[in-house]
Amino acid sequence: MNILKRRGWEISESHVTSESLFFNRRQVVAGLATLPLIGSAKAAVNAKFADAGRPVTDELQNTTYNNFYEYGTSKSISDAAQALVTKPWSITIDGLVDAPLTLQFEDLLKKMPVEDRIYRHRCVEAWAMVVPWTGFALKDLIGMAKPKAEAKYVRFETFNDPKMAPGQEPGLFSSFPWPYVEGLTVAEAMNDLSFIATGAYGKDLPKSMGAPLRLHTPWKYGFKSIKSIVKISFVAEQPMNFWQAIQSSEYGFWANVNPEVSHPRWSQATEEVLGTGERVPSVIYNGYGEFVADLYKGMEEEKIFF
């Protein structure tokens, strides 16, 4: 008798993509590899991350349903986000590194091996998307920075410009600790999954999705995937992230997807697949456990999900 072992990212037959959608997705992936982005004539598809186990979310849905509090508290911020000025854009790499530097975005991109990946995206609000990203592995950037041995965490910071982003104006969200900050352990940042996205759907990254570059960590809730990064710092102490600073009882440092651990105000057991209205069971580490579960061995007593 053959015993089939289901891998972490696999889903039940009732959720398997139809044949027509599958071949349509293959055409999308093939097309992405031929579309140029700034600083890269062609991006290769990473075969390891070429299928997220469910169809790619419609581009219009993905680019017009976003959390970006710098431009408002609703999901419909795509028009307001056009005020984001992305040229010129510089990124500073500092802290506990041997090679601190500040680069223009285009110059940084030229130094990185750009590729395409299709990832699931799971919001802490219990909705989900699938996004075809273009960008580069975060570990490649870390290799360029040459962090010192005492660097245990990577701290990410977004822009702070109230003239450009009305949500950052004094008094509007006076309790919000701008700029937006997020963090990973160096081990998490070095994981194969950790990705700096510079494009989506074969195009430059839309402003509503965090242009010109953002983090994406698909095994964590979406608020960890900080948008519009201007600074990456290597530090010895665990950084306080934006939502943790606002409400530490609801949002913590780790934010790993786990259907067994509810948010204090709602369940995380299921998620709505945007564009279909279907509600499906959530999966530990958002289905990426085979890549990341080993990062958390021995941490069973720690609050690694919120």
C-alpha atoms as a PDB file:
ATOM      1  CA  MET A   1       0.000   0.000   0.000  1.00  0.00           C
ATOM      2  CA  ASN A   2       1.325   3.429  -0.919  1.00  0.00           C
ATOM      3  CA  ILE A   3       1.195   5.992   1.878  1.00  0.00           C
ATOM      4  CA  LEU A   4       1.025   9.543   0.637  1.00  0.00           C
ATOM      5  CA  LYS A   5       2.613  12.204   2.817  1.00  0.00           C
ATOM      6  CA  ARG A   6       1.120  15.651   2.296  1.00  0.00           C
ATOM      7  CA  ARG A   7       3.656  18.480   2.404  1.00  0.00           C
ATOM      8  CA  GLY A   8       3.020  21.664   4.386  1.00  0.00           C
ATOM      9  CA  TRP A   9       2.052  23.826   1.433  1.00  0.00           C
ATOM     10  CA  GLU A  10      -0.340  21.307  -0.158  1.00  0.00           C
ATOM     11  CA  ILE A  11      -4.097  21.863   0.052  1.00  0.00           C
ATOM     12  CA  SER A  12      -7.121  19.580  -0.121  1.00  0.00           C
ATOM     13  CA  GLU A  13      -8.513  18.445  -3.471  1.00  0.00           C
ATOM     14  CA  SER A  14     -11.529  20.708  -3.024  1.00  0.00           C
ATOM     15  CA  HIS A  15      -9.154  23.681  -3.168  1.00  0.00           C
ATOM     16  CA  VAL A  16      -6.995  22.465  -6.058  1.00  0.00           C
ATOM     17  CA  THR A  17      -6.800  24.879  -8.975  1.00  0.00           C
ATOM     18  CA  SER A  18      -8.729  23.853 -12.063  1.00  0.00           C
ATOM     19  CA  GLU A  19      -6.750  22.741 -15.137  1.00  0.00           C
ATOM     20  CA  SER A  20      -7.633  25.881 -17.075  1.00  0.00           C
ATOM     21  CA  LEU A  21      -6.546  28.154 -14.246  1.00  0.00           C
ATOM     22  CA  PHE A  22      -3.355  26.144 -13.780  1.00  0.00           C
ATOM     23  CA  PHE A  23      -2.273  26.568 -17.374  1.00  0.00           C
ATOM     24  CA  ASN A  24      -3.275  30.228 -17.260  1.00  0.00           C
ATOM     25  CA  ARG A  25      -1.006  30.682 -14.241  1.00  0.00           C
ATOM     26  CA  ARG A  26       1.833  28.941 -16.076  1.00  0.00           C
ATOM     27  CA  GLN A  27       1.375  31.404 -18.909  1.00  0.00           C
ATOM     28  CA  VAL A  28       1.489  34.286 -16.413  1.00  0.00           C
ATOM     29  CA  VAL A  29       4.718  32.967 -14.889  1.00  0.00           C
ATOM     30  CA  ALA A  30       6.289  32.479 -18.309  1.00  0.00           C
ATOM     31  CA  GLY A  31       5.279  35.992 -19.292  1.00  0.00           C
ATOM     32  CA  LEU A  32       6.743  37.513 -16.151  1.00  0.00           C
ATOM     33  CA  ALA A  33      10.180  36.208 -17.046  1.00  0.00           C
ATOM     34  CA  THR A  34      10.223  38.275 -20.231  1.00  0.00           C
ATOM     35  CA  LEU A  35       9.115  41.615 -18.804  1.00  0.00           C
ATOM     36  CA  PRO A  36      11.822  44.185 -17.947  1.00  0.00           C
ATOM     37  CA  LEU A  37      12.045  46.081 -14.697  1.00  0.00           C
ATOM     38  CA  ILE A  38      14.223  49.007 -13.682  1.00  0.00           C
ATOM     39  CA  GLY A  39      17.840  47.854 -13.500  1.00  0.00           C
ATOM     40  CA  SER A  40      17.109  44.396 -14.858  1.00  0.00           C
ATOM     41  CA  ALA A  41      16.663  43.335 -18.459  1.00  0.00           C
ATOM     42  CA  LYS A  42      15.048  40.047 -17.483  1.00  0.00           C
ATOM     43  CA  ALA A  43      13.987  38.306 -14.264  1.00  0.00           C
ATOM     44  CA  ALA A  44      14.196  34.513 -14.046  1.00  0.00           C
ATOM     45  CA  VAL A  45      11.450  32.508 -12.396  1.00  0.00           C
ATOM     46  CA  ASN A  46      12.563  30.754  -9.210  1.00  0.00           C
ATOM     47  CA  ALA A  47      11.122  27.264  -9.789  1.00  0.00           C
ATOM     48  CA  LYS A  48      10.999  26.581  -6.047  1.00  0.00           C
ATOM     49  CA  PHE A  49       8.482  29.401  -5.622  1.00  0.00           C
ATOM     50  CA  ALA A  50       6.617  29.290  -8.937  1.00  0.00           C
ATOM     51  CA  ASP A  51       3.303  27.981  -7.551  1.00  0.00           C
ATOM     52  CA  ALA A  52       1.613  29.023  -4.320  1.00  0.00           C
ATOM     53  CA  GLY A  53      -0.953  26.215  -4.353  1.00  0.00           C
ATOM     54  CA  ARG A  54      -3.841  28.471  -5.361  1.00  0.00           C
ATOM     55  CA  PRO A  55      -4.481  30.895  -8.246  1.00  0.00           C
ATOM     56  CA  VAL A  56      -2.777  34.270  -8.471  1.00  0.00           C
ATOM     57  CA  THR A  57      -5.101  37.021  -7.259  1.00  0.00           C
ATOM     58  CA  ASP A  58      -6.401  39.382  -9.924  1.00  0.00           C
ATOM     59  CA  GLU A  59      -4.023  42.304 -10.405  1.00  0.00           C
ATOM     60  CA  LEU A  60      -6.702  44.977 -10.017  1.00  0.00           C
ATOM     61  CA  GLN A  61      -7.881  43.380  -6.765  1.00  0.00           C
ATOM     62  CA  ASN A  62      -4.340  43.207  -5.443  1.00  0.00           C
ATOM     63  CA  THR A  63      -3.384  46.771  -6.277  1.00  0.00           C
ATOM     64  CA  THR A  64      -6.578  48.394  -4.955  1.00  0.00           C
ATOM     65  CA  TYR A  65      -7.105  46.509  -1.675  1.00  0.00           C
ATOM     66  CA  ASN A  66      -4.224  47.439   0.592  1.00  0.00           C
ATOM     67  CA  ASN A  67      -3.284  48.458   4.101  1.00  0.00           C
ATOM     68  CA  PHE A  68      -1.041  51.522   3.928  1.00  0.00           C
ATOM     69  CA  TYR A  69      -1.813  53.678   6.961  1.00  0.00           C
ATOM     70  CA  GLU A  70       0.422  56.457   5.740  1.00  0.00           C
ATOM     71  CA  TYR A  71      -2.394  57.120   3.258  1.00  0.00           C
ATOM     72  CA  GLY A  72      -5.484  56.264   5.297  1.00  0.00           C
ATOM     73  CA  THR A  73      -7.171  53.563   7.328  1.00  0.00           C
ATOM     74  CA  SER A  74      -9.399  52.111   4.595  1.00  0.00           C
ATOM     75  CA  LYS A  75      -8.299  49.495   2.074  1.00  0.00           C
ATOM     76  CA  SER A  76      -9.076  51.889  -0.786  1.00  0.00           C
ATOM     77  CA  ILE A  77      -5.889  53.939  -0.635  1.00  0.00           C
ATOM     78  CA  SER A  78      -4.561  53.245  -4.124  1.00  0.00           C
ATOM     79  CA  ASP A  79      -5.488  56.703  -5.435  1.00  0.00           C
ATOM     80  CA  ALA A  80      -4.141  58.516  -2.369  1.00  0.00           C
ATOM     81  CA  ALA A  81      -0.912  56.485  -2.539  1.00  0.00           C
ATOM     82  CA  GLN A  82      -0.091  58.041  -5.909  1.00  0.00           C
ATOM     83  CA  ALA A  83       1.265  60.976  -3.888  1.00  0.00           C
ATOM     84  CA  LEU A  84       4.189  58.730  -2.897  1.00  0.00           C
ATOM     85  CA  VAL A  85       7.308  60.112  -4.608  1.00  0.00           C
ATOM     86  CA  THR A  86       9.628  57.218  -5.466  1.00  0.00           C
ATOM     87  CA  LYS A  87      12.241  58.997  -7.614  1.00  0.00           C
ATOM     88  CA  PRO A  88      14.791  59.649  -6.325  1.00  0.00           C
ATOM     89  CA  TRP A  89      14.786  56.977  -3.610  1.00  0.00           C
ATOM     90  CA  SER A  90      17.763  55.982  -1.498  1.00  0.00           C
ATOM     91  CA  ILE A  91      18.265  53.085   0.907  1.00  0.00           C
ATOM     92  CA  THR A  92      20.679  53.236   3.822  1.00  0.00           C
ATOM     93  CA  ILE A  93      22.253  50.097   5.280  1.00  0.00           C
ATOM     94  CA  ASP A  94      23.856  50.708   8.661  1.00  0.00           C
ATOM     95  CA  GLY A  95      24.345  49.473  12.204  1.00  0.00           C
ATOM     96  CA  LEU A  96      26.484  46.472  13.071  1.00  0.00           C
ATOM     97  CA  VAL A  97      27.914  45.890   9.599  1.00  0.00           C
ATOM     98  CA  ASP A  98      31.363  45.958   8.025  1.00  0.00           C
ATOM     99  CA  ALA A  99      30.080  47.677   4.900  1.00  0.00           C
ATOM    100  CA  PRO A 100      27.588  50.476   5.717  1.00  0.00           C
ATOM    101  CA  LEU A 101      26.362  52.317   2.653  1.00  0.00           C
ATOM    102  CA  THR A 102      23.652  54.427   1.100  1.00  0.00           C
ATOM    103  CA  LEU A 103      22.537  53.610  -2.423  1.00  0.00           C
ATOM    104  CA  GLN A 104      19.990  54.893  -4.874  1.00  0.00           C
ATOM    105  CA  PHE A 105      17.302  52.304  -5.488  1.00  0.00           C
ATOM    106  CA  GLU A 106      18.315  51.774  -9.118  1.00  0.00           C
ATOM    107  CA  ASP A 107      21.950  51.229  -8.114  1.00  0.00           C
ATOM    108  CA  LEU A 108      20.997  48.716  -5.440  1.00  0.00           C
ATOM    109  CA  LEU A 109      18.833  46.802  -7.886  1.00  0.00           C
ATOM    110  CA  LYS A 110      21.695  46.508 -10.350  1.00  0.00           C
ATOM    111  CA  LYS A 111      23.760  44.725  -7.681  1.00  0.00           C
ATOM    112  CA  MET A 112      21.080  42.118  -6.879  1.00  0.00           C
ATOM    113  CA  PRO A 113      20.165  38.881  -8.706  1.00  0.00           C
ATOM    114  CA  VAL A 114      16.539  39.676  -9.587  1.00  0.00           C
ATOM    115  CA  GLU A 115      13.982  36.871  -9.907  1.00  0.00           C
ATOM    116  CA  ASP A 116      10.234  36.172  -9.915  1.00  0.00           C
ATOM    117  CA  ARG A 117       8.404  34.368  -7.130  1.00  0.00           C
ATOM    118  CA  ILE A 118       4.733  33.623  -6.476  1.00  0.00           C
ATOM    119  CA  TYR A 119       3.854  33.832  -2.789  1.00  0.00           C
ATOM    120  CA  ARG A 120       0.821  33.617  -0.597  1.00  0.00           C
ATOM    121  CA  HIS A 121       0.073  36.720   1.459  1.00  0.00           C
ATOM    122  CA  ARG A 122      -1.909  36.282   4.692  1.00  0.00           C
ATOM    123  CA  CYS A 123      -3.165  39.399   6.487  1.00  0.00           C
ATOM    124  CA  VAL A 124      -3.610  39.367  10.247  1.00  0.00           C
ATOM    125  CA  GLU A 125      -7.189  40.473   9.503  1.00  0.00           C
ATOM    126  CA  ALA A 126      -7.854  36.937   8.147  1.00  0.00           C
ATOM    127  CA  TRP A 127      -7.896  37.594   4.407  1.00  0.00           C
ATOM    128  CA  ALA A 128      -5.417  36.271   1.878  1.00  0.00           C
ATOM    129  CA  MET A 129      -3.994  36.957  -1.578  1.00  0.00           C
ATOM    130  CA  VAL A 130      -1.496  35.357  -3.952  1.00  0.00           C
ATOM    131  CA  VAL A 131       1.023  37.746  -5.499  1.00  0.00           C
ATOM    132  CA  PRO A 132       3.531  37.270  -8.351  1.00  0.00           C
ATOM    133  CA  TRP A 133       6.483  39.295  -7.073  1.00  0.00           C
ATOM    134  CA  THR A 134       9.733  40.349  -8.694  1.00  0.00           C
ATOM    135  CA  GLY A 135      12.720  41.170  -6.508  1.00  0.00           C
ATOM    136  CA  PHE A 136      15.657  39.549  -4.768  1.00  0.00           C
ATOM    137  CA  ALA A 137      16.411  37.341  -1.797  1.00  0.00           C
ATOM    138  CA  LEU A 138      17.017  39.356   1.359  1.00  0.00           C
ATOM    139  CA  LYS A 139      20.005  37.143   2.137  1.00  0.00           C
ATOM    140  CA  ASP A 140      21.768  38.534  -0.948  1.00  0.00           C
ATOM    141  CA  LEU A 141      21.492  42.044   0.467  1.00  0.00           C
ATOM    142  CA  ILE A 142      22.706  40.815   3.851  1.00  0.00           C
ATOM    143  CA  GLY A 143      25.726  39.274   2.177  1.00  0.00           C
ATOM    144  CA  MET A 144      26.597  42.633   0.669  1.00  0.00           C
ATOM    145  CA  ALA A 145      26.238  44.400   4.042  1.00  0.00           C
ATOM    146  CA  LYS A 146      28.517  41.934   5.869  1.00  0.00           C
ATOM    147  CA  PRO A 147      26.879  42.062   9.339  1.00  0.00           C
ATOM    148  CA  LYS A 148      29.073  41.694  12.403  1.00  0.00           C
ATOM    149  CA  ALA A 149      28.762  38.674  14.706  1.00  0.00           C
ATOM    150  CA  GLU A 150      26.990  40.734  17.363  1.00  0.00           C
ATOM    151  CA  ALA A 151      24.159  41.631  14.949  1.00  0.00           C
ATOM    152  CA  LYS A 152      21.184  39.483  15.980  1.00  0.00           C
ATOM    153  CA  TYR A 153      18.313  41.382  14.344  1.00  0.00           C
ATOM    154  CA  VAL A 154      17.526  43.316  11.189  1.00  0.00           C
ATOM    155  CA  ARG A 155      15.489  46.500  11.665  1.00  0.00           C
ATOM    156  CA  PHE A 156      13.565  47.957   8.713  1.00  0.00           C
ATOM    157  CA  GLU A 157      12.290  51.515   8.536  1.00  0.00           C
ATOM    158  CA  THR A 158      10.011  53.247   6.058  1.00  0.00           C
ATOM    159  CA  PHE A 159       9.891  56.910   5.053  1.00  0.00           C
ATOM    160  CA  ASN A 160       8.585  59.663   7.338  1.00  0.00           C
ATOM    161  CA  ASP A 161       7.298  62.574   5.279  1.00  0.00           C
ATOM    162  CA  PRO A 162       3.973  64.146   6.362  1.00  0.00           C
ATOM    163  CA  LYS A 163       3.979  66.390   3.284  1.00  0.00           C
ATOM    164  CA  MET A 164       3.931  63.300   1.092  1.00  0.00           C
ATOM    165  CA  ALA A 165       1.815  61.055   3.316  1.00  0.00           C
ATOM    166  CA  PRO A 166      -1.179  62.676   5.052  1.00  0.00           C
ATOM    167  CA  GLY A 167      -1.488  59.790   7.514  1.00  0.00           C
ATOM    168  CA  GLN A 168       1.790  60.919   9.074  1.00  0.00           C
ATOM    169  CA  GLU A 169       0.611  64.468   9.682  1.00  0.00           C
ATOM    170  CA  PRO A 170       0.755  65.504  13.360  1.00  0.00           C
ATOM    171  CA  GLY A 171      -2.583  65.093  15.076  1.00  0.00           C
ATOM    172  CA  LEU A 172      -4.220  62.806  12.529  1.00  0.00           C
ATOM    173  CA  PHE A 173      -2.915  59.592  14.096  1.00  0.00           C
ATOM    174  CA  SER A 174      -1.129  61.229  17.007  1.00  0.00           C
ATOM    175  CA  SER A 175      -0.605  57.920  18.805  1.00  0.00           C
ATOM    176  CA  PHE A 176       1.074  56.264  15.830  1.00  0.00           C
ATOM    177  CA  PRO A 177       4.868  55.959  16.204  1.00  0.00           C
ATOM    178  CA  TRP A 178       5.951  57.033  12.725  1.00  0.00           C
ATOM    179  CA  PRO A 179       7.953  55.984  10.827  1.00  0.00           C
ATOM    180  CA  TYR A 180       6.744  52.418  10.342  1.00  0.00           C
ATOM    181  CA  VAL A 181       9.317  49.974  11.731  1.00  0.00           C
ATOM    182  CA  GLU A 182       9.592  46.203  11.481  1.00  0.00           C
ATOM    183  CA  GLY A 183      12.181  43.602  12.336  1.00  0.00           C
ATOM    184  CA  LEU A 184      13.396  40.054  11.838  1.00  0.00           C
ATOM    185  CA  THR A 185      16.068  37.956  13.445  1.00  0.00           C
ATOM    186  CA  VAL A 186      19.150  37.614  11.273  1.00  0.00           C
ATOM    187  CA  ALA A 187      18.304  33.914  10.944  1.00  0.00           C
ATOM    188  CA  GLU A 188      14.805  34.749   9.656  1.00  0.00           C
ATOM    189  CA  ALA A 189      16.209  37.352   7.298  1.00  0.00           C
ATOM    190  CA  MET A 190      18.698  34.816   5.919  1.00  0.00           C
ATOM    191  CA  ASN A 191      15.962  32.246   5.248  1.00  0.00           C
ATOM    192  CA  ASP A 192      15.349  31.435   1.584  1.00  0.00           C
ATOM    193  CA  LEU A 193      11.764  32.739   1.805  1.00  0.00           C
ATOM    194  CA  SER A 194      12.609  36.278   2.942  1.00  0.00           C
ATOM    195  CA  PHE A 195      12.257  38.478  -0.107  1.00  0.00           C
ATOM    196  CA  ILE A 196      12.657  42.127  -1.060  1.00  0.00           C
ATOM    197  CA  ALA A 197       9.955  42.832  -3.649  1.00  0.00           C
ATOM    198  CA  THR A 198      10.643  45.498  -6.260  1.00  0.00           C
ATOM    199  CA  GLY A 199       7.864  44.580  -8.669  1.00  0.00           C
ATOM    200  CA  ALA A 200       4.572  42.732  -9.062  1.00  0.00           C
ATOM    201  CA  TYR A 201       2.715  41.286 -12.033  1.00  0.00           C
ATOM    202  CA  GLY A 202       5.757  41.844 -14.231  1.00  0.00           C
ATOM    203  CA  LYS A 203       5.760  45.583 -13.584  1.00  0.00           C
ATOM    204  CA  ASP A 204       7.454  47.999 -11.208  1.00  0.00           C
ATOM    205  CA  LEU A 205       5.982  47.734  -7.734  1.00  0.00           C
ATOM    206  CA  PRO A 206       2.755  49.781  -7.503  1.00  0.00           C
ATOM    207  CA  LYS A 207       2.774  52.639  -5.031  1.00  0.00           C
ATOM    208  CA  SER A 208      -0.232  51.157  -3.244  1.00  0.00           C
ATOM    209  CA  MET A 209       1.796  47.993  -2.594  1.00  0.00           C
ATOM    210  CA  GLY A 210       4.827  49.778  -1.138  1.00  0.00           C
ATOM    211  CA  ALA A 211       6.966  51.070  -4.001  1.00  0.00           C
ATOM    212  CA  PRO A 212       9.784  51.086  -4.776  1.00  0.00           C
ATOM    213  CA  LEU A 213      10.799  48.196  -2.507  1.00  0.00           C
ATOM    214  CA  ARG A 214       9.188  46.283   0.316  1.00  0.00           C
ATOM    215  CA  LEU A 215       9.790  43.197   2.416  1.00  0.00           C
ATOM    216  CA  HIS A 216       7.736  40.037   1.991  1.00  0.00           C
ATOM    217  CA  THR A 217       7.862  37.207   4.530  1.00  0.00           C
ATOM    218  CA  PRO A 218       5.068  34.847   3.427  1.00  0.00           C
ATOM    219  CA  TRP A 219       4.996  32.699   6.578  1.00  0.00           C
ATOM    220  CA  LYS A 220       4.199  35.734   8.736  1.00  0.00           C
ATOM    221  CA  TYR A 221       1.137  37.984   8.928  1.00  0.00           C
ATOM    222  CA  GLY A 222       1.247  40.763   6.376  1.00  0.00           C
ATOM    223  CA  PHE A 223       2.001  43.626   8.761  1.00  0.00           C
ATOM    224  CA  LYS A 224       5.545  42.244   9.052  1.00  0.00           C
ATOM    225  CA  SER A 225       6.118  42.901   5.336  1.00  0.00           C
ATOM    226  CA  ILE A 226       7.050  46.564   5.650  1.00  0.00           C
ATOM    227  CA  LYS A 227       6.520  48.816   2.631  1.00  0.00           C
ATOM    228  CA  SER A 228       8.590  51.611   1.041  1.00  0.00           C
ATOM    229  CA  ILE A 229      11.843  50.857   2.889  1.00  0.00           C
ATOM    230  CA  VAL A 230      14.436  53.614   3.331  1.00  0.00           C
ATOM    231  CA  LYS A 231      16.712  52.101   5.990  1.00  0.00           C
ATOM    232  CA  ILE A 232      17.893  48.618   6.954  1.00  0.00           C
ATOM    233  CA  SER A 233      19.852  48.436  10.218  1.00  0.00           C
ATOM    234  CA  PHE A 234      21.625  45.496  11.820  1.00  0.00           C
ATOM    235  CA  VAL A 235      21.209  45.634  15.596  1.00  0.00           C
ATOM    236  CA  ALA A 236      21.940  43.595  18.716  1.00  0.00           C
ATOM    237  CA  GLU A 237      18.578  44.124  20.470  1.00  0.00           C
ATOM    238  CA  GLN A 238      15.136  43.066  19.272  1.00  0.00           C
ATOM    239  CA  PRO A 239      13.495  46.104  17.639  1.00  0.00           C
ATOM    240  CA  MET A 240      10.030  47.270  18.643  1.00  0.00           C
ATOM    241  CA  ASN A 241       7.784  47.020  15.610  1.00  0.00           C
ATOM    242  CA  PHE A 242       5.126  49.577  14.673  1.00  0.00           C
ATOM    243  CA  TRP A 243       1.995  47.656  15.674  1.00  0.00           C
ATOM    244  CA  GLN A 244       3.658  46.220  18.762  1.00  0.00           C
ATOM    245  CA  ALA A 245       4.350  49.770  19.913  1.00  0.00           C
ATOM    246  CA  ILE A 246       0.699  50.707  19.343  1.00  0.00           C
ATOM    247  CA  GLN A 247      -0.901  47.662  20.992  1.00  0.00           C
ATOM    248  CA  SER A 248       1.501  45.093  22.437  1.00  0.00           C
ATOM    249  CA  SER A 249      -1.333  42.924  23.756  1.00  0.00           C
ATOM    250  CA  GLU A 250      -2.494  42.252  20.192  1.00  0.00           C
ATOM    251  CA  TYR A 251       0.667  42.430  18.080  1.00  0.00           C
ATOM    252  CA  GLY A 252       4.089  41.080  18.901  1.00  0.00           C
ATOM    253  CA  PHE A 253       7.461  40.718  17.265  1.00  0.00           C
ATOM    254  CA  TRP A 254       7.084  37.277  15.676  1.00  0.00           C
ATOM    255  CA  ALA A 255       3.656  37.301  13.953  1.00  0.00           C
ATOM    256  CA  ASN A 256       3.953  33.777  12.529  1.00  0.00           C
ATOM    257  CA  VAL A 257       0.725  32.508  10.961  1.00  0.00           C
ATOM    258  CA  ASN A 258      -0.919  29.895  13.178  1.00  0.00           C
ATOM    259  CA  PRO A 259      -4.603  28.893  12.926  1.00  0.00           C
ATOM    260  CA  GLU A 260      -4.488  27.592  16.504  1.00  0.00           C
ATOM    261  CA  VAL A 261      -3.600  30.965  18.021  1.00  0.00           C
ATOM    262  CA  SER A 262      -6.397  33.511  17.734  1.00  0.00           C
ATOM    263  CA  HIS A 263      -5.973  37.226  17.582  1.00  0.00           C
ATOM    264  CA  PRO A 264      -7.437  38.620  20.822  1.00  0.00           C
ATOM    265  CA  ARG A 265     -10.429  39.926  18.851  1.00  0.00           C
ATOM    266  CA  TRP A 266     -10.978  37.278  16.150  1.00  0.00           C
ATOM    267  CA  SER A 267     -10.141  33.749  15.103  1.00  0.00           C
ATOM    268  CA  GLN A 268      -7.257  32.915  12.795  1.00  0.00           C
ATOM    269  CA  ALA A 269      -8.586  29.450  11.986  1.00  0.00           C
ATOM    270  CA  THR A 270      -9.834  30.426   8.512  1.00  0.00           C
ATOM    271  CA  GLU A 271      -9.104  33.076   5.899  1.00  0.00           C
ATOM    272  CA  GLU A 272     -11.041  34.694   3.060  1.00  0.00           C
ATOM    273  CA  VAL A 273      -9.436  34.277  -0.351  1.00  0.00           C
ATOM    274  CA  LEU A 274      -9.840  37.686  -1.966  1.00  0.00           C
ATOM    275  CA  GLY A 275     -11.433  37.676  -5.375  1.00  0.00           C
ATOM    276  CA  THR A 276     -13.333  34.453  -4.747  1.00  0.00           C
ATOM    277  CA  GLY A 277     -15.115  35.119  -1.459  1.00  0.00           C
ATOM    278  CA  GLU A 278     -14.199  31.572  -0.450  1.00  0.00           C
ATOM    279  CA  ARG A 279     -13.301  30.953   3.183  1.00  0.00           C
ATOM    280  CA  VAL A 280     -10.671  28.253   3.626  1.00  0.00           C
ATOM    281  CA  PRO A 281      -8.764  26.793   6.581  1.00  0.00           C
ATOM    282  CA  SER A 282      -5.595  28.647   7.520  1.00  0.00           C
ATOM    283  CA  VAL A 283      -2.365  26.657   7.641  1.00  0.00           C
ATOM    284  CA  ILE A 284       0.501  26.850  10.113  1.00  0.00           C
ATOM    285  CA  TYR A 285       3.237  29.168   8.813  1.00  0.00           C
ATOM    286  CA  ASN A 286       0.839  29.962   5.945  1.00  0.00           C
ATOM    287  CA  GLY A 287       1.800  26.660   4.344  1.00  0.00           C
ATOM    288  CA  TYR A 288       5.554  27.337   4.349  1.00  0.00           C
ATOM    289  CA  GLY A 289       6.468  25.247   7.385  1.00  0.00           C
ATOM    290  CA  GLU A 290       8.907  23.041   5.487  1.00  0.00           C
ATOM    291  CA  PHE A 291      11.071  26.124   4.939  1.00  0.00           C
ATOM    292  CA  VAL A 292      10.815  27.868   8.312  1.00  0.00           C
ATOM    293  CA  ALA A 293       9.688  25.527  11.109  1.00  0.00           C
ATOM    294  CA  ASP A 294      13.285  24.730  12.062  1.00  0.00           C
ATOM    295  CA  LEU A 295      13.842  28.424  12.879  1.00  0.00           C
ATOM    296  CA  TYR A 296      11.656  28.050  15.963  1.00  0.00           C
ATOM    297  CA  LYS A 297      12.762  24.752  17.458  1.00  0.00           C
ATOM    298  CA  GLY A 298      13.190  25.074  21.200  1.00  0.00           C
ATOM    299  CA  MET A 299      10.988  28.169  21.328  1.00  0.00           C
ATOM    300  CA  GLU A 300       7.759  26.384  22.202  1.00  0.00           C
ATOM    301  CA  GLU A 301       7.324  28.408  25.392  1.00  0.00           C
ATOM    302  CA  GLU A 302       7.783  31.764  23.652  1.00  0.00           C
ATOM    303  CA  LYS A 303       4.993  33.734  22.045  1.00  0.00           C
ATOM    304  CA  ILE A 304       6.249  33.223  18.494  1.00  0.00           C
ATOM    305  CA  PHE A 305       2.893  33.891  16.835  1.00  0.00           C
ATOM    306  CA  PHE A 306       1.909  37.251  18.327  1.00  0.00           C
END
